[in-house]
């Protein structure tokens, strides 16, 4: 049960004449500190599915499990999420290794692609410092079969290059037994789902997550920070 809700809505016109509505709602109680973050992209002549854009700085510290906030001036609001590199391996889902979970609104049975703005760390020992695993509640593939769900061994993999530094990395279906990287959602009511990002390697960091049905469906952002 969520006992308190704080919301902030911002409406501006972009240079293209598109009306951008950004809604950020953070829900916090003793029972749940999972934030709800959603960015709505709407044409003035009609609506498009929501572009979900999440910053690391959107989360309360209670939402992080064995992860930490780190400072980086290149990140939105100067914050990224990461963990130290001790040279050890991390296990993929369904193992419950370091992760963060949050809720967003999506549209039912619309294809989405996810992107992570990743900071590849320094490789050490058995850790490449460049992997994040992604899962969702209510997620299905194009044939309406359940995939990429928490508590299973089905997941998307965002694996950066070996070169240290920041890069937008796509979520691919390697290791899940499903060749399709697009994800759909069988949602009802408000269309709220849970996203779970699990560190796949010690030393990795990330500061933005995108779940895109339109603008970034086929290609990553060209800018290091995507404005909400």
Protein backbone atom coordinates (compact mmCIF):
# COMPACT_ATOMS: atom_id res chain seq x y z
CA UNK A 1 0.00 0.00 0.00
CA UNK A 2 1.31 3.42 -0.91
CA UNK A 3 0.44 6.00 1.75
CA UNK A 4 1.89 9.13 0.22
CA UNK A 5 2.31 10.38 -3.32
CA UNK A 6 4.24 13.40 -4.52
CA UNK A 7 3.88 14.48 -8.13
CA UNK A 8 5.26 17.18 -10.35
CA UNK A 9 4.10 17.93 -13.89
CA UNK A 10 5.97 20.08 -16.40
CA UNK A 11 4.59 21.13 -19.80
CA UNK A 12 6.75 22.78 -22.48
CA UNK A 13 6.77 23.12 -26.24
CA UNK A 14 9.78 21.64 -28.00
CA UNK A 15 11.35 23.30 -31.04
CA UNK A 16 9.43 20.93 -33.33
CA UNK A 17 6.10 22.14 -32.00
CA UNK A 18 5.65 18.95 -30.01
CA UNK A 19 4.11 19.28 -26.61
CA UNK A 20 6.18 17.39 -24.07
CA UNK A 21 4.56 16.51 -20.79
CA UNK A 22 6.87 15.14 -18.12
CA UNK A 23 5.24 13.50 -15.13
CA UNK A 24 7.38 12.38 -12.23
CA UNK A 25 5.67 10.67 -9.33
CA UNK A 26 7.67 9.25 -6.46
CA UNK A 27 5.80 6.97 -4.09
CA UNK A 28 7.32 6.35 -0.69
CA UNK A 29 6.11 4.47 2.36
CA UNK A 30 7.56 2.05 4.87
CA UNK A 31 5.98 -0.75 2.81
CA UNK A 32 7.36 0.37 -0.57
CA UNK A 33 9.97 2.85 -1.71
CA UNK A 34 9.73 1.92 -5.39
CA UNK A 35 9.57 5.09 -7.48
CA UNK A 36 7.10 5.53 -10.31
CA UNK A 37 8.68 7.47 -13.18
CA UNK A 38 7.07 8.20 -16.51
CA UNK A 39 7.64 10.66 -19.35
CA UNK A 40 4.76 11.22 -21.75
CA UNK A 41 5.43 12.33 -25.33
CA UNK A 42 2.31 13.68 -27.03
CA UNK A 43 1.79 15.35 -30.41
CA UNK A 44 -0.44 18.40 -30.29
CA UNK A 45 -2.72 16.69 -32.83
CA UNK A 46 -2.91 13.35 -30.98
CA UNK A 47 -1.22 10.98 -28.59
CA UNK A 48 1.75 8.64 -28.99
CA UNK A 49 2.79 5.85 -26.60
CA UNK A 50 4.85 7.06 -23.68
CA UNK A 51 8.62 7.41 -23.89
CA UNK A 52 9.86 6.17 -20.52
CA UNK A 53 12.99 8.06 -19.44
CA UNK A 54 14.42 7.36 -16.00
CA UNK A 55 17.39 9.02 -14.28
CA UNK A 56 19.42 7.40 -11.52
CA UNK A 57 18.78 10.53 -9.47
CA UNK A 58 15.02 9.79 -9.55
CA UNK A 59 15.36 6.94 -7.05
CA UNK A 60 15.32 7.04 -3.26
CA UNK A 61 18.28 5.23 -1.74
CA UNK A 62 15.91 2.57 -0.36
CA UNK A 63 15.19 1.38 -3.91
CA UNK A 64 18.81 0.21 -4.35
CA UNK A 65 19.84 -3.27 -3.22
CA UNK A 66 23.62 -3.71 -2.82
CA UNK A 67 24.14 -0.76 -5.17
CA UNK A 68 25.22 2.78 -4.38
CA UNK A 69 24.82 6.31 -5.69
CA UNK A 70 28.07 7.64 -7.13
CA UNK A 71 28.94 11.18 -8.12
CA UNK A 72 29.67 12.06 -11.74
CA UNK A 73 29.33 15.53 -13.22
CA UNK A 74 28.49 13.97 -16.61
CA UNK A 75 25.30 12.37 -15.23
CA UNK A 76 21.87 13.99 -14.86
CA UNK A 77 21.86 15.81 -11.53
CA UNK A 78 25.38 14.50 -10.97
CA UNK A 79 24.29 10.99 -9.92
CA UNK A 80 24.83 7.47 -11.26
CA UNK A 81 24.25 4.03 -9.78
CA UNK A 82 27.05 1.50 -9.50
CA UNK A 83 29.08 -0.83 -7.31
CA UNK A 84 32.77 -1.38 -6.59
CA UNK A 85 34.81 -3.91 -8.55
CA UNK A 86 36.41 -6.58 -6.39
CA UNK A 87 37.11 -8.81 -9.39
CA UNK A 88 34.36 -11.30 -8.61
CA UNK A 89 31.61 -12.67 -10.86
CA UNK A 90 27.92 -11.85 -10.50
CA UNK A 91 25.21 -14.38 -11.29
CA UNK A 92 22.37 -13.72 -13.76
CA UNK A 93 18.68 -13.94 -12.83
CA UNK A 94 16.98 -15.68 -11.13
CA UNK A 95 19.87 -15.14 -8.70
CA UNK A 96 19.17 -12.09 -6.57
CA UNK A 97 22.39 -10.08 -7.06
CA UNK A 98 22.71 -6.24 -6.79
CA UNK A 99 19.70 -4.54 -8.39
CA UNK A 100 17.25 -1.66 -8.45
CA UNK A 101 13.52 -1.86 -9.17
CA UNK A 102 11.05 0.86 -10.15
CA UNK A 103 7.59 1.25 -11.67
CA UNK A 104 6.60 2.95 -14.93
CA UNK A 105 3.48 3.25 -17.07
CA UNK A 106 3.42 1.56 -20.49
CA UNK A 107 0.87 0.88 -23.19
CA UNK A 108 -0.42 -2.67 -23.64
CA UNK A 109 0.89 -4.73 -26.59
CA UNK A 110 3.01 -1.95 -28.09
CA UNK A 111 6.62 -2.92 -28.98
CA UNK A 112 9.28 -1.28 -26.81
CA UNK A 113 13.07 -1.33 -26.89
CA UNK A 114 15.21 -0.52 -23.88
CA UNK A 115 18.51 1.36 -23.66
CA UNK A 116 20.88 1.92 -20.76
CA UNK A 117 23.37 4.76 -20.53
CA UNK A 118 26.26 2.76 -19.12
CA UNK A 119 29.58 3.72 -17.63
CA UNK A 120 31.98 0.87 -18.36
CA UNK A 121 34.43 0.50 -15.52
CA UNK A 122 37.90 -0.96 -15.30
CA UNK A 123 38.00 -4.73 -15.81
CA UNK A 124 39.42 -6.62 -12.86
CA UNK A 125 39.77 -10.33 -12.18
CA UNK A 126 36.67 -12.09 -13.46
CA UNK A 127 34.65 -8.89 -13.86
CA UNK A 128 34.38 -7.04 -17.19
CA UNK A 129 32.52 -4.13 -15.52
CA UNK A 130 30.18 -3.71 -18.51
CA UNK A 131 26.98 -5.76 -18.09
CA UNK A 132 23.44 -5.04 -16.81
CA UNK A 133 20.55 -7.52 -16.91
CA UNK A 134 16.96 -6.28 -17.38
CA UNK A 135 13.60 -7.82 -16.49
CA UNK A 136 9.98 -6.61 -16.43
CA UNK A 137 6.69 -7.64 -14.91
CA UNK A 138 3.87 -8.49 -17.37
CA UNK A 139 6.32 -8.70 -20.31
CA UNK A 140 5.72 -10.89 -23.36
CA UNK A 141 7.24 -11.40 -26.79
CA UNK A 142 5.52 -10.77 -30.13
CA UNK A 143 3.72 -14.12 -29.83
CA UNK A 144 2.32 -13.15 -26.40
CA UNK A 145 4.57 -15.64 -24.59
CA UNK A 146 5.87 -14.59 -21.19
CA UNK A 147 9.55 -13.49 -21.32
CA UNK A 148 12.08 -11.44 -19.33
CA UNK A 149 10.15 -11.68 -16.06
CA UNK A 150 11.61 -11.32 -12.54
CA UNK A 151 12.21 -14.61 -10.77
CA UNK A 152 12.99 -16.45 -14.02
CA UNK A 153 16.13 -17.13 -16.08
CA UNK A 154 14.74 -15.06 -18.96
CA UNK A 155 16.26 -11.57 -19.24
CA UNK A 156 17.61 -8.93 -21.59
CA UNK A 157 21.33 -8.19 -21.53
CA UNK A 158 22.89 -4.75 -21.95
CA UNK A 159 26.58 -5.39 -22.56
CA UNK A 160 28.88 -2.48 -23.25
CA UNK A 161 32.19 -2.51 -25.07
CA UNK A 162 35.50 -3.21 -23.33
CA UNK A 163 36.46 0.45 -23.68
CA UNK A 164 36.00 2.39 -20.47
CA UNK A 165 33.63 5.33 -20.39
CA UNK A 166 30.03 6.27 -21.16
CA UNK A 167 27.95 4.74 -23.95
CA UNK A 168 24.30 4.06 -24.77
CA UNK A 169 23.89 0.26 -24.77
CA UNK A 170 20.90 -1.62 -26.16
CA UNK A 171 19.12 -4.41 -24.30
CA UNK A 172 19.53 -7.64 -26.26
CA UNK A 173 17.95 -11.06 -25.78
CA UNK A 174 21.19 -13.01 -25.43
CA UNK A 175 20.99 -15.71 -22.79
CA UNK A 176 17.18 -15.68 -22.69
CA UNK A 177 16.47 -18.20 -25.45
CA UNK A 178 14.47 -15.57 -27.33
CA UNK A 179 15.91 -13.92 -30.47
CA UNK A 180 13.66 -10.84 -30.32
CA UNK A 181 14.93 -7.85 -28.35
CA UNK A 182 11.60 -6.01 -28.53
CA UNK A 183 9.35 -6.38 -25.53
CA UNK A 184 5.57 -6.04 -25.16
CA UNK A 185 3.40 -5.79 -22.06
CA UNK A 186 0.08 -7.41 -21.21
CA UNK A 187 -1.15 -4.74 -18.85
CA UNK A 188 -4.57 -3.73 -17.60
CA UNK A 189 -5.90 -0.72 -15.74
CA UNK A 190 -3.21 1.94 -15.27
CA UNK A 191 -0.64 0.01 -17.31
CA UNK A 192 1.91 0.10 -14.49
CA UNK A 193 4.78 -2.39 -14.68
CA UNK A 194 7.90 -3.04 -12.64
CA UNK A 195 11.36 -2.76 -14.19
CA UNK A 196 14.28 -4.62 -12.58
CA UNK A 197 17.88 -3.69 -13.46
CA UNK A 198 20.43 -6.15 -12.08
CA UNK A 199 24.18 -5.59 -12.20
CA UNK A 200 25.79 -8.22 -14.41
CA UNK A 201 29.37 -7.33 -13.52
CA UNK A 202 31.06 -5.58 -10.64
CA UNK A 203 32.31 -2.10 -11.45
CA UNK A 204 29.54 -1.27 -13.93
CA UNK A 205 27.54 1.96 -13.59
CA UNK A 206 24.49 3.55 -15.22
CA UNK A 207 22.67 6.87 -14.97
CA UNK A 208 19.72 6.61 -17.43
CA UNK A 209 17.23 3.99 -18.56
CA UNK A 210 14.95 4.35 -21.60
CA UNK A 211 12.00 2.20 -22.61
CA UNK A 212 11.03 3.49 -26.04
CA UNK A 213 8.05 2.64 -28.29
CA UNK A 214 8.84 5.26 -30.92
CA UNK A 215 11.66 7.79 -30.77
CA UNK A 216 14.43 5.31 -29.91
CA UNK A 217 12.82 2.12 -31.16
CA UNK A 218 15.43 1.55 -33.86
CA UNK A 219 18.46 3.57 -32.75
CA UNK A 220 19.95 4.85 -29.47
CA UNK A 221 19.94 8.50 -28.42
CA UNK A 222 22.60 10.66 -30.02
CA UNK A 223 23.09 12.80 -26.92
CA UNK A 224 24.65 11.63 -23.65
CA UNK A 225 21.70 12.99 -21.63
CA UNK A 226 18.13 12.59 -22.88
CA UNK A 227 15.92 15.43 -21.70
CA UNK A 228 12.60 14.57 -20.11
